[in-house]
Amino acid sequence: MKNYKNVVFVLASAAVLSLATVGCDRTVQRSEETNVKSDGTVKTKDTTVTEHPDGTVTKTEEKKKTTPNP
């Protein structure tokens, strides 16, 4: 009975550890550029490069434009 508990504990620990390390994306690079024009318009460009657990790399660009209220 004691041996059975040890085996179950080891298997459960291995399962939790493998789930904790497999499903995470890793951010490789992140940059943000902000430009402000003379009329108060703000343009922001956010670029993120992530590496997935299977080795694929994804580049995401997000652009925002904010104009001031008159």
PDB file of N, CA and C in Angstrom:
ATOM      1  N   MET A   1       0.819  -1.186   0.000  1.00  0.00           N
ATOM      2  CA  MET A   1       0.000   0.000   0.000  1.00  0.00           C
ATOM      3  C   MET A   1       0.868   1.256   0.000  1.00  0.00           C
ATOM      4  N   LYS A   2       1.946   1.254   0.768  1.00  0.00           N
ATOM      5  CA  LYS A   2       2.833   2.394   0.849  1.00  0.00           C
ATOM      6  C   LYS A   2       3.520   2.634  -0.499  1.00  0.00           C
ATOM      7  N   ASN A   3       3.920   1.559  -1.154  1.00  0.00           N
ATOM      8  CA  ASN A   3       4.557   1.660  -2.449  1.00  0.00           C
ATOM      9  C   ASN A   3       3.586   2.228  -3.488  1.00  0.00           C
ATOM     10  N   TYR A   4       2.326   1.847  -3.427  1.00  0.00           N
ATOM     11  CA  TYR A   4       1.301   2.327  -4.351  1.00  0.00           C
ATOM     12  C   TYR A   4       1.134   3.841  -4.224  1.00  0.00           C
ATOM     13  N   LYS A   5       1.122   4.356  -3.010  1.00  0.00           N
ATOM     14  CA  LYS A   5       0.988   5.797  -2.787  1.00  0.00           C
ATOM     15  C   LYS A   5       2.172   6.558  -3.369  1.00  0.00           C
ATOM     16  N   ASN A   6       3.361   6.012  -3.220  1.00  0.00           N
ATOM     17  CA  ASN A   6       4.556   6.655  -3.779  1.00  0.00           C
ATOM     18  C   ASN A   6       4.502   6.704  -5.300  1.00  0.00           C
ATOM     19  N   VAL A   7       4.059   5.630  -5.923  1.00  0.00           N
ATOM     20  CA  VAL A   7       3.969   5.581  -7.385  1.00  0.00           C
ATOM     21  C   VAL A   7       2.933   6.592  -7.881  1.00  0.00           C
ATOM     22  N   VAL A   8       1.793   6.663  -7.223  1.00  0.00           N
ATOM     23  CA  VAL A   8       0.755   7.619  -7.612  1.00  0.00           C
ATOM     24  C   VAL A   8       1.263   9.050  -7.443  1.00  0.00           C
ATOM     25  N   PHE A   9       1.965   9.333  -6.366  1.00  0.00           N
ATOM     26  CA  PHE A   9       2.508  10.662  -6.133  1.00  0.00           C
ATOM     27  C   PHE A   9       3.509  11.050  -7.227  1.00  0.00           C
ATOM     28  N   VAL A  10       4.374  10.153  -7.596  1.00  0.00           N
ATOM     29  CA  VAL A  10       5.382  10.440  -8.630  1.00  0.00           C
ATOM     30  C   VAL A  10       4.704  10.675  -9.978  1.00  0.00           C
ATOM     31  N   LEU A  11       3.720   9.858 -10.333  1.00  0.00           N
ATOM     32  CA  LEU A  11       3.021  10.035 -11.605  1.00  0.00           C
ATOM     33  C   LEU A  11       2.234  11.339 -11.635  1.00  0.00           C
ATOM     34  N   ALA A  12       1.580  11.679 -10.548  1.00  0.00           N
ATOM     35  CA  ALA A  12       0.829  12.930 -10.492  1.00  0.00           C
ATOM     36  C   ALA A  12       1.764  14.132 -10.594  1.00  0.00           C
ATOM     37  N   SER A  13       2.897  14.080  -9.937  1.00  0.00           N
ATOM     38  CA  SER A  13       3.869  15.172 -10.002  1.00  0.00           C
ATOM     39  C   SER A  13       4.402  15.336 -11.418  1.00  0.00           C
ATOM     40  N   ALA A  14       4.689  14.238 -12.091  1.00  0.00           N
ATOM     41  CA  ALA A  14       5.184  14.302 -13.465  1.00  0.00           C
ATOM     42  C   ALA A  14       4.129  14.881 -14.396  1.00  0.00           C
ATOM     43  N   ALA A  15       2.870  14.537 -14.202  1.00  0.00           N
ATOM     44  CA  ALA A  15       1.795  15.049 -15.049  1.00  0.00           C
ATOM     45  C   ALA A  15       1.627  16.553 -14.864  1.00  0.00           C
ATOM     46  N   VAL A  16       1.655  17.021 -13.645  1.00  0.00           N
ATOM     47  CA  VAL A  16       1.508  18.452 -13.370  1.00  0.00           C
ATOM     48  C   VAL A  16       2.693  19.226 -13.927  1.00  0.00           C
ATOM     49  N   LEU A  17       3.878  18.709 -13.764  1.00  0.00           N
ATOM     50  CA  LEU A  17       5.065  19.384 -14.273  1.00  0.00           C
ATOM     51  C   LEU A  17       5.043  19.473 -15.787  1.00  0.00           C
ATOM     52  N   SER A  18       4.634  18.424 -16.466  1.00  0.00           N
ATOM     53  CA  SER A  18       4.597  18.455 -17.928  1.00  0.00           C
ATOM     54  C   SER A  18       3.535  19.426 -18.435  1.00  0.00           C
ATOM     55  N   LEU A  19       2.405  19.526 -17.772  1.00  0.00           N
ATOM     56  CA  LEU A  19       1.366  20.472 -18.185  1.00  0.00           C
ATOM     57  C   LEU A  19       1.791  21.913 -17.936  1.00  0.00           C
ATOM     58  N   ALA A  20       2.555  22.135 -16.903  1.00  0.00           N
ATOM     59  CA  ALA A  20       2.981  23.484 -16.568  1.00  0.00           C
ATOM     60  C   ALA A  20       4.019  24.020 -17.548  1.00  0.00           C
ATOM     61  N   THR A  21       4.802  23.158 -18.167  1.00  0.00           N
ATOM     62  CA  THR A  21       5.872  23.617 -19.046  1.00  0.00           C
ATOM     63  C   THR A  21       5.525  23.556 -20.524  1.00  0.00           C
ATOM     64  N   VAL A  22       4.494  22.865 -20.932  1.00  0.00           N
ATOM     65  CA  VAL A  22       4.210  22.651 -22.346  1.00  0.00           C
ATOM     66  C   VAL A  22       3.423  23.787 -22.979  1.00  0.00           C
ATOM     67  N   GLY A  23       2.416  24.320 -22.342  1.00  0.00           N
ATOM     68  CA  GLY A  23       1.463  25.199 -22.987  1.00  0.00           C
ATOM     69  C   GLY A  23       1.778  26.671 -22.986  1.00  0.00           C
ATOM     70  N   CYS A  24       3.000  27.101 -22.806  1.00  0.00           N
ATOM     71  CA  CYS A  24       3.293  28.522 -22.690  1.00  0.00           C
ATOM     72  C   CYS A  24       3.995  29.048 -23.943  1.00  0.00           C
ATOM     73  N   ASP A  25       3.565  30.245 -24.369  1.00  0.00           N
ATOM     74  CA  ASP A  25       4.255  30.947 -25.433  1.00  0.00           C
ATOM     75  C   ASP A  25       5.344  31.807 -24.807  1.00  0.00           C
ATOM     76  N   ARG A  26       6.408  32.021 -25.568  1.00  0.00           N
ATOM     77  CA  ARG A  26       7.529  32.812 -25.063  1.00  0.00           C
ATOM     78  C   ARG A  26       7.680  34.052 -25.924  1.00  0.00           C
ATOM     79  N   THR A  27       7.711  35.224 -25.313  1.00  0.00           N
ATOM     80  CA  THR A  27       7.901  36.472 -26.045  1.00  0.00           C
ATOM     81  C   THR A  27       9.379  36.621 -26.354  1.00  0.00           C
ATOM     82  N   VAL A  28       9.683  36.685 -27.660  1.00  0.00           N
ATOM     83  CA  VAL A  28      11.069  36.795 -28.098  1.00  0.00           C
ATOM     84  C   VAL A  28      11.475  38.259 -28.211  1.00  0.00           C
ATOM     85  N   GLN A  29      10.569  39.089 -28.765  1.00  0.00           N
ATOM     86  CA  GLN A  29      10.886  40.498 -28.968  1.00  0.00           C
ATOM     87  C   GLN A  29       9.608  41.323 -28.854  1.00  0.00           C
ATOM     88  N   ARG A  30       9.734  42.518 -28.276  1.00  0.00           N
ATOM     89  CA  ARG A  30       8.601  43.428 -28.186  1.00  0.00           C
ATOM     90  C   ARG A  30       9.114  44.843 -28.332  1.00  0.00           C
ATOM     91  N   SER A  31       8.443  45.617 -29.209  1.00  0.00           N
ATOM     92  CA  SER A  31       8.835  47.010 -29.379  1.00  0.00           C
ATOM     93  C   SER A  31       7.594  47.869 -29.542  1.00  0.00           C
ATOM     94  N   GLU A  32       7.722  49.130 -29.138  1.00  0.00           N
ATOM     95  CA  GLU A  32       6.621  50.074 -29.239  1.00  0.00           C
ATOM     96  C   GLU A  32       7.174  51.403 -29.734  1.00  0.00           C
ATOM     97  N   GLU A  33       6.546  51.935 -30.795  1.00  0.00           N
ATOM     98  CA  GLU A  33       6.941  53.223 -31.348  1.00  0.00           C
ATOM     99  C   GLU A  33       5.772  54.189 -31.199  1.00  0.00           C
ATOM    100  N   THR A  34       6.059  55.409 -30.741  1.00  0.00           N
ATOM    101  CA  THR A  34       5.021  56.418 -30.580  1.00  0.00           C
ATOM    102  C   THR A  34       5.469  57.687 -31.273  1.00  0.00           C
ATOM    103  N   ASN A  35       4.579  58.227 -32.137  1.00  0.00           N
ATOM    104  CA  ASN A  35       4.847  59.475 -32.830  1.00  0.00           C
ATOM    105  C   ASN A  35       3.732  60.459 -32.505  1.00  0.00           C
ATOM    106  N   VAL A  36       4.105  61.687 -32.144  1.00  0.00           N
ATOM    107  CA  VAL A  36       3.139  62.738 -31.840  1.00  0.00           C
ATOM    108  C   VAL A  36       3.321  63.845 -32.870  1.00  0.00           C
ATOM    109  N   LYS A  37       2.226  64.170 -33.578  1.00  0.00           N
ATOM    110  CA  LYS A  37       2.271  65.236 -34.574  1.00  0.00           C
ATOM    111  C   LYS A  37       1.968  66.576 -33.915  1.00  0.00           C
ATOM    112  N   SER A  38       2.188  67.647 -34.658  1.00  0.00           N
ATOM    113  CA  SER A  38       1.982  68.998 -34.121  1.00  0.00           C
ATOM    114  C   SER A  38       0.522  69.296 -33.806  1.00  0.00           C
ATOM    115  N   ASP A  39      -0.423  68.607 -34.465  1.00  0.00           N
ATOM    116  CA  ASP A  39      -1.844  68.836 -34.192  1.00  0.00           C
ATOM    117  C   ASP A  39      -2.349  68.007 -33.010  1.00  0.00           C
ATOM    118  N   GLY A  40      -1.469  67.253 -32.372  1.00  0.00           N
ATOM    119  CA  GLY A  40      -1.845  66.467 -31.202  1.00  0.00           C
ATOM    120  C   GLY A  40      -2.191  65.022 -31.499  1.00  0.00           C
ATOM    121  N   THR A  41      -2.172  64.616 -32.757  1.00  0.00           N
ATOM    122  CA  THR A  41      -2.464  63.235 -33.132  1.00  0.00           C
ATOM    123  C   THR A  41      -1.325  62.322 -32.678  1.00  0.00           C
ATOM    124  N   VAL A  42      -1.684  61.216 -32.036  1.00  0.00           N
ATOM    125  CA  VAL A  42      -0.695  60.260 -31.535  1.00  0.00           C
ATOM    126  C   VAL A  42      -0.860  58.954 -32.291  1.00  0.00           C
ATOM    127  N   LYS A  43       0.228  58.485 -32.900  1.00  0.00           N
ATOM    128  CA  LYS A  43       0.235  57.191 -33.588  1.00  0.00           C
ATOM    129  C   LYS A  43       1.162  56.253 -32.826  1.00  0.00           C
ATOM    130  N   THR A  44       0.635  55.072 -32.509  1.00  0.00           N
ATOM    131  CA  THR A  44       1.400  54.080 -31.760  1.00  0.00           C
ATOM    132  C   THR A  44       1.442  52.776 -32.550  1.00  0.00           C
ATOM    133  N   LYS A  45       2.622  52.183 -32.657  1.00  0.00           N
ATOM    134  CA  LYS A  45       2.806  50.893 -33.322  1.00  0.00           C
ATOM    135  C   LYS A  45       3.463  49.942 -32.336  1.00  0.00           C
ATOM    136  N   ASP A  46       2.775  48.828 -32.044  1.00  0.00           N
ATOM    137  CA  ASP A  46       3.254  47.837 -31.085  1.00  0.00           C
ATOM    138  C   ASP A  46       3.533  46.534 -31.839  1.00  0.00           C
ATOM    139  N   THR A  47       4.761  46.048 -31.778  1.00  0.00           N
ATOM    140  CA  THR A  47       5.161  44.819 -32.466  1.00  0.00           C
ATOM    141  C   THR A  47       5.613  43.794 -31.437  1.00  0.00           C
ATOM    142  N   THR A  48       5.048  42.564 -31.543  1.00  0.00           N
ATOM    143  CA  THR A  48       5.411  41.487 -30.632  1.00  0.00           C
ATOM    144  C   THR A  48       5.739  40.236 -31.432  1.00  0.00           C
ATOM    145  N   VAL A  49       6.860  39.597 -31.116  1.00  0.00           N
ATOM    146  CA  VAL A  49       7.260  38.338 -31.738  1.00  0.00           C
ATOM    147  C   VAL A  49       7.222  37.269 -30.649  1.00  0.00           C
ATOM    148  N   THR A  50       6.410  36.214 -30.868  1.00  0.00           N
ATOM    149  CA  THR A  50       6.299  35.141 -29.881  1.00  0.00           C
ATOM    150  C   THR A  50       6.692  33.809 -30.505  1.00  0.00           C
ATOM    151  N   GLU A  51       7.268  32.947 -29.670  1.00  0.00           N
ATOM    152  CA  GLU A  51       7.628  31.589 -30.088  1.00  0.00           C
ATOM    153  C   GLU A  51       6.708  30.618 -29.348  1.00  0.00           C
ATOM    154  N   HIS A  52       6.048  29.745 -30.098  1.00  0.00           N
ATOM    155  CA  HIS A  52       5.114  28.780 -29.540  1.00  0.00           C
ATOM    156  C   HIS A  52       5.854  27.496 -29.150  1.00  0.00           C
ATOM    157  N   PRO A  53       5.240  26.655 -28.315  1.00  0.00           N
ATOM    158  CA  PRO A  53       5.904  25.427 -27.865  1.00  0.00           C
ATOM    159  C   PRO A  53       6.313  24.489 -29.002  1.00  0.00           C
ATOM    160  N   ASP A  54       5.592  24.534 -30.143  1.00  0.00           N
ATOM    161  CA  ASP A  54       5.943  23.654 -31.252  1.00  0.00           C
ATOM    162  C   ASP A  54       7.062  24.220 -32.122  1.00  0.00           C
ATOM    163  N   GLY A  55       7.599  25.409 -31.765  1.00  0.00           N
ATOM    164  CA  GLY A  55       8.728  25.981 -32.485  1.00  0.00           C
ATOM    165  C   GLY A  55       8.353  27.034 -33.504  1.00  0.00           C
ATOM    166  N   THR A  56       7.062  27.231 -33.788  1.00  0.00           N
ATOM    167  CA  THR A  56       6.656  28.249 -34.749  1.00  0.00           C
ATOM    168  C   THR A  56       6.773  29.633 -34.122  1.00  0.00           C
ATOM    169  N   VAL A  57       7.014  30.624 -34.986  1.00  0.00           N
ATOM    170  CA  VAL A  57       7.182  32.001 -34.546  1.00  0.00           C
ATOM    171  C   VAL A  57       6.083  32.854 -35.173  1.00  0.00           C
ATOM    172  N   THR A  58       5.465  33.720 -34.371  1.00  0.00           N
ATOM    173  CA  THR A  58       4.388  34.583 -34.840  1.00  0.00           C
ATOM    174  C   THR A  58       4.748  36.030 -34.553  1.00  0.00           C
ATOM    175  N   LYS A  59       4.559  36.891 -35.568  1.00  0.00           N
ATOM    176  CA  LYS A  59       4.801  38.321 -35.407  1.00  0.00           C
ATOM    177  C   LYS A  59       3.453  39.027 -35.465  1.00  0.00           C
ATOM    178  N   THR A  60       3.166  39.843 -34.441  1.00  0.00           N
ATOM    179  CA  THR A  60       1.897  40.554 -34.351  1.00  0.00           C
ATOM    180  C   THR A  60       2.174  42.051 -34.297  1.00  0.00           C
ATOM    181  N   GLU A  61       1.501  42.823 -35.180  1.00  0.00           N
ATOM    182  CA  GLU A  61       1.628  44.271 -35.186  1.00  0.00           C
ATOM    183  C   GLU A  61       0.273  44.895 -34.895  1.00  0.00           C
ATOM    184  N   GLU A  62       0.267  45.856 -33.991  1.00  0.00           N
ATOM    185  CA  GLU A  62      -0.962  46.559 -33.646  1.00  0.00           C
ATOM    186  C   GLU A  62      -0.700  48.053 -33.798  1.00  0.00           C
ATOM    187  N   LYS A  63      -1.566  48.721 -34.601  1.00  0.00           N
ATOM    188  CA  LYS A  63      -1.416  50.154 -34.825  1.00  0.00           C
ATOM    189  C   LYS A  63      -2.629  50.872 -34.264  1.00  0.00           C
ATOM    190  N   LYS A  64      -2.367  51.996 -33.564  1.00  0.00           N
ATOM    191  CA  LYS A  64      -3.425  52.813 -32.990  1.00  0.00           C
ATOM    192  C   LYS A  64      -3.202  54.264 -33.382  1.00  0.00           C
ATOM    193  N   LYS A  65      -4.314  54.961 -33.609  1.00  0.00           N
ATOM    194  CA  LYS A  65      -4.252  56.392 -33.912  1.00  0.00           C
ATOM    195  C   LYS A  65      -5.246  57.088 -33.001  1.00  0.00           C
ATOM    196  N   THR A  66      -4.765  58.063 -32.239  1.00  0.00           N
ATOM    197  CA  THR A  66      -5.602  58.805 -31.314  1.00  0.00           C
ATOM    198  C   THR A  66      -5.556  60.278 -31.683  1.00  0.00           C
ATOM    199  N   THR A  67      -6.731  60.861 -31.885  1.00  0.00           N
ATOM    200  CA  THR A  67      -6.807  62.292 -32.187  1.00  0.00           C
ATOM    201  C   THR A  67      -7.396  63.011 -30.976  1.00  0.00           C
ATOM    202  N   PRO A  68      -6.908  64.217 -30.719  1.00  0.00           N
ATOM    203  CA  PRO A  68      -7.413  64.961 -29.557  1.00  0.00           C
ATOM    204  C   PRO A  68      -8.835  65.470 -29.820  1.00  0.00           C
ATOM    205  N   ASN A  69      -9.602  65.643 -28.746  1.00  0.00           N
ATOM    206  CA  ASN A  69     -10.948  66.193 -28.869  1.00  0.00           C
ATOM    207  C   ASN A  69     -10.872  67.689 -29.084  1.00  0.00           C
ATOM    208  N   PRO A  70     -11.684  68.233 -30.010  1.00  0.00           N
ATOM    209  CA  PRO A  70     -11.608  69.689 -30.288  1.00  0.00           C
ATOM    210  C   PRO A  70     -12.173  70.529 -29.173  1.00  0.00           C
TER     211      PRO A  70
END
